[in-house]
């Protein structure tokens, strides 16, 4: 069972890192908030491993 869950998690992390998109104009909104000095946090139902790589990506 542990092996099956590990495999599922690996596949999910790969999918989360390559096939998810930021909501339209959300990156611009967050950058405006940041530039104005507003404190921010990330809330997600995903694990940190799934959330963090996407949140650290820069604008193409």
N, C-alpha and C. Protein backbone atom coordinates (compact mmCIF):
# COMPACT_ATOMS: atom_id res chain seq x y z
N UNK A 1 0.82 -1.19 0.00
CA UNK A 1 0.00 0.00 0.00
C UNK A 1 0.87 1.26 0.00
N UNK A 2 1.93 1.24 0.80
CA UNK A 2 2.84 2.40 0.87
C UNK A 2 3.47 2.68 -0.49
N UNK A 3 3.83 1.63 -1.20
CA UNK A 3 4.43 1.77 -2.52
C UNK A 3 3.44 2.42 -3.50
N UNK A 4 2.18 2.01 -3.42
CA UNK A 4 1.14 2.57 -4.27
C UNK A 4 0.95 4.06 -3.98
N UNK A 5 0.90 4.44 -2.71
CA UNK A 5 0.75 5.85 -2.34
C UNK A 5 1.95 6.68 -2.76
N UNK A 6 3.14 6.13 -2.61
CA UNK A 6 4.34 6.85 -3.05
C UNK A 6 4.30 7.11 -4.55
N UNK A 7 3.88 6.11 -5.32
CA UNK A 7 3.77 6.28 -6.77
C UNK A 7 2.75 7.33 -7.14
N UNK A 8 1.61 7.31 -6.47
CA UNK A 8 0.56 8.31 -6.72
C UNK A 8 1.08 9.71 -6.41
N UNK A 9 1.77 9.85 -5.29
CA UNK A 9 2.31 11.16 -4.91
C UNK A 9 3.35 11.67 -5.91
N UNK A 10 4.21 10.79 -6.39
CA UNK A 10 5.20 11.20 -7.39
C UNK A 10 4.50 11.70 -8.66
N UNK A 11 3.49 10.96 -9.11
CA UNK A 11 2.76 11.37 -10.32
C UNK A 11 2.04 12.70 -10.09
N UNK A 12 1.43 12.85 -8.93
CA UNK A 12 0.71 14.09 -8.63
C UNK A 12 1.67 15.29 -8.60
N UNK A 13 2.82 15.13 -7.96
CA UNK A 13 3.78 16.24 -7.89
C UNK A 13 4.28 16.61 -9.28
N UNK A 14 4.50 15.62 -10.13
CA UNK A 14 4.94 15.90 -11.50
C UNK A 14 3.85 16.67 -12.25
N UNK A 15 2.61 16.24 -12.10
CA UNK A 15 1.50 16.92 -12.75
C UNK A 15 1.32 18.34 -12.20
N UNK A 16 1.39 18.50 -10.89
CA UNK A 16 1.22 19.81 -10.27
C UNK A 16 2.31 20.78 -10.73
N UNK A 17 3.51 20.28 -10.94
CA UNK A 17 4.63 21.14 -11.33
C UNK A 17 4.61 21.53 -12.80
N UNK A 18 3.91 20.75 -13.64
CA UNK A 18 4.00 21.00 -15.08
C UNK A 18 2.67 21.36 -15.73
N UNK A 19 1.56 21.04 -15.12
CA UNK A 19 0.28 21.19 -15.82
C UNK A 19 -0.73 22.06 -15.07
N UNK A 20 -0.27 22.87 -14.14
CA UNK A 20 -1.19 23.76 -13.45
C UNK A 20 -0.90 25.19 -13.89
N UNK A 21 -1.93 26.00 -13.88
CA UNK A 21 -1.78 27.38 -14.33
C UNK A 21 -2.25 28.34 -13.24
N UNK A 22 -1.65 29.51 -13.22
CA UNK A 22 -2.06 30.56 -12.31
C UNK A 22 -3.35 31.16 -12.86
N UNK A 23 -4.30 31.51 -11.98
CA UNK A 23 -5.53 32.13 -12.44
C UNK A 23 -5.20 33.40 -13.23
N UNK A 24 -6.00 33.71 -14.26
CA UNK A 24 -5.74 34.92 -15.07
C UNK A 24 -5.60 36.16 -14.20
N UNK A 25 -4.58 36.92 -14.46
CA UNK A 25 -4.27 38.20 -13.80
C UNK A 25 -3.92 38.07 -12.33
N UNK A 26 -3.89 36.86 -11.78
CA UNK A 26 -3.58 36.69 -10.36
C UNK A 26 -2.12 37.05 -10.07
N UNK A 27 -1.22 36.66 -10.94
CA UNK A 27 0.20 36.99 -10.73
C UNK A 27 0.38 38.51 -10.66
N UNK A 28 -0.26 39.23 -11.58
CA UNK A 28 -0.16 40.69 -11.58
C UNK A 28 -0.73 41.27 -10.28
N UNK A 29 -1.86 40.74 -9.82
CA UNK A 29 -2.49 41.21 -8.59
C UNK A 29 -1.56 40.99 -7.38
N UNK A 30 -0.97 39.81 -7.30
CA UNK A 30 -0.07 39.50 -6.18
C UNK A 30 1.16 40.40 -6.23
N UNK A 31 1.69 40.63 -7.41
CA UNK A 31 2.85 41.52 -7.53
C UNK A 31 2.51 42.95 -7.11
N UNK A 32 1.31 43.41 -7.43
CA UNK A 32 0.88 44.75 -6.99
C UNK A 32 0.77 44.81 -5.47
N UNK A 33 0.18 43.79 -4.87
CA UNK A 33 0.08 43.75 -3.41
C UNK A 33 1.47 43.75 -2.76
N UNK A 34 2.36 42.94 -3.32
CA UNK A 34 3.73 42.86 -2.79
C UNK A 34 4.43 44.22 -2.90
N UNK A 35 4.32 44.86 -4.06
CA UNK A 35 4.97 46.15 -4.27
C UNK A 35 4.43 47.21 -3.30
N UNK A 36 3.17 47.07 -2.92
CA UNK A 36 2.56 48.02 -1.99
C UNK A 36 2.87 47.68 -0.53
N UNK A 37 3.59 46.59 -0.30
CA UNK A 37 4.01 46.23 1.04
C UNK A 37 3.02 45.44 1.87
N UNK A 38 2.01 44.90 1.22
CA UNK A 38 1.02 44.10 1.95
C UNK A 38 1.60 42.73 2.31
N UNK A 39 1.47 42.30 3.56
CA UNK A 39 1.93 40.96 3.92
C UNK A 39 1.05 39.91 3.23
N UNK A 40 1.66 38.80 2.85
CA UNK A 40 0.92 37.75 2.14
C UNK A 40 1.29 36.38 2.66
N UNK A 41 0.40 35.44 2.43
CA UNK A 41 0.62 34.04 2.76
C UNK A 41 -0.06 33.19 1.69
N UNK A 42 0.33 31.95 1.61
CA UNK A 42 -0.29 31.02 0.67
C UNK A 42 -1.11 30.02 1.45
N UNK A 43 -2.36 29.85 1.05
CA UNK A 43 -3.22 28.83 1.65
C UNK A 43 -3.60 27.85 0.54
N UNK A 44 -3.42 26.57 0.81
CA UNK A 44 -3.70 25.57 -0.20
C UNK A 44 -4.12 24.27 0.45
N UNK A 45 -4.94 23.54 -0.24
CA UNK A 45 -5.31 22.21 0.22
C UNK A 45 -4.26 21.18 -0.18
N UNK A 46 -3.29 21.60 -0.97
CA UNK A 46 -2.23 20.69 -1.41
C UNK A 46 -1.11 20.67 -0.38
N UNK A 47 -0.25 19.70 -0.53
CA UNK A 47 0.92 19.62 0.33
C UNK A 47 1.88 20.75 -0.01
N UNK A 48 2.81 21.04 0.88
CA UNK A 48 3.82 22.06 0.60
C UNK A 48 4.63 21.67 -0.63
N UNK A 49 4.93 20.40 -0.77
CA UNK A 49 5.70 19.94 -1.93
C UNK A 49 4.98 20.26 -3.23
N UNK A 50 3.66 20.18 -3.24
CA UNK A 50 2.90 20.47 -4.46
C UNK A 50 2.74 21.97 -4.68
N UNK A 51 2.65 22.74 -3.62
CA UNK A 51 2.41 24.18 -3.74
C UNK A 51 3.66 24.99 -3.97
N UNK A 52 4.72 24.68 -3.31
CA UNK A 52 5.90 25.53 -3.31
C UNK A 52 6.56 25.70 -4.67
N UNK A 53 6.82 24.64 -5.43
CA UNK A 53 7.51 24.86 -6.72
C UNK A 53 6.75 25.82 -7.63
N UNK A 54 5.44 25.72 -7.67
CA UNK A 54 4.64 26.59 -8.53
C UNK A 54 4.69 28.03 -8.05
N UNK A 55 4.65 28.23 -6.74
CA UNK A 55 4.62 29.59 -6.21
C UNK A 55 5.96 30.29 -6.39
N UNK A 56 7.03 29.56 -6.58
CA UNK A 56 8.35 30.18 -6.73
C UNK A 56 8.72 30.45 -8.18
N UNK A 57 7.90 30.03 -9.13
CA UNK A 57 8.22 30.25 -10.53
C UNK A 57 8.09 31.72 -10.89
N UNK A 58 8.94 32.14 -11.75
CA UNK A 58 8.93 33.54 -12.21
C UNK A 58 8.14 33.67 -13.49
N UNK A 59 7.80 34.90 -13.81
CA UNK A 59 7.06 35.19 -15.03
C UNK A 59 7.89 34.77 -16.23
N UNK A 60 7.24 34.13 -17.22
CA UNK A 60 7.99 33.69 -18.42
C UNK A 60 8.55 34.86 -19.20
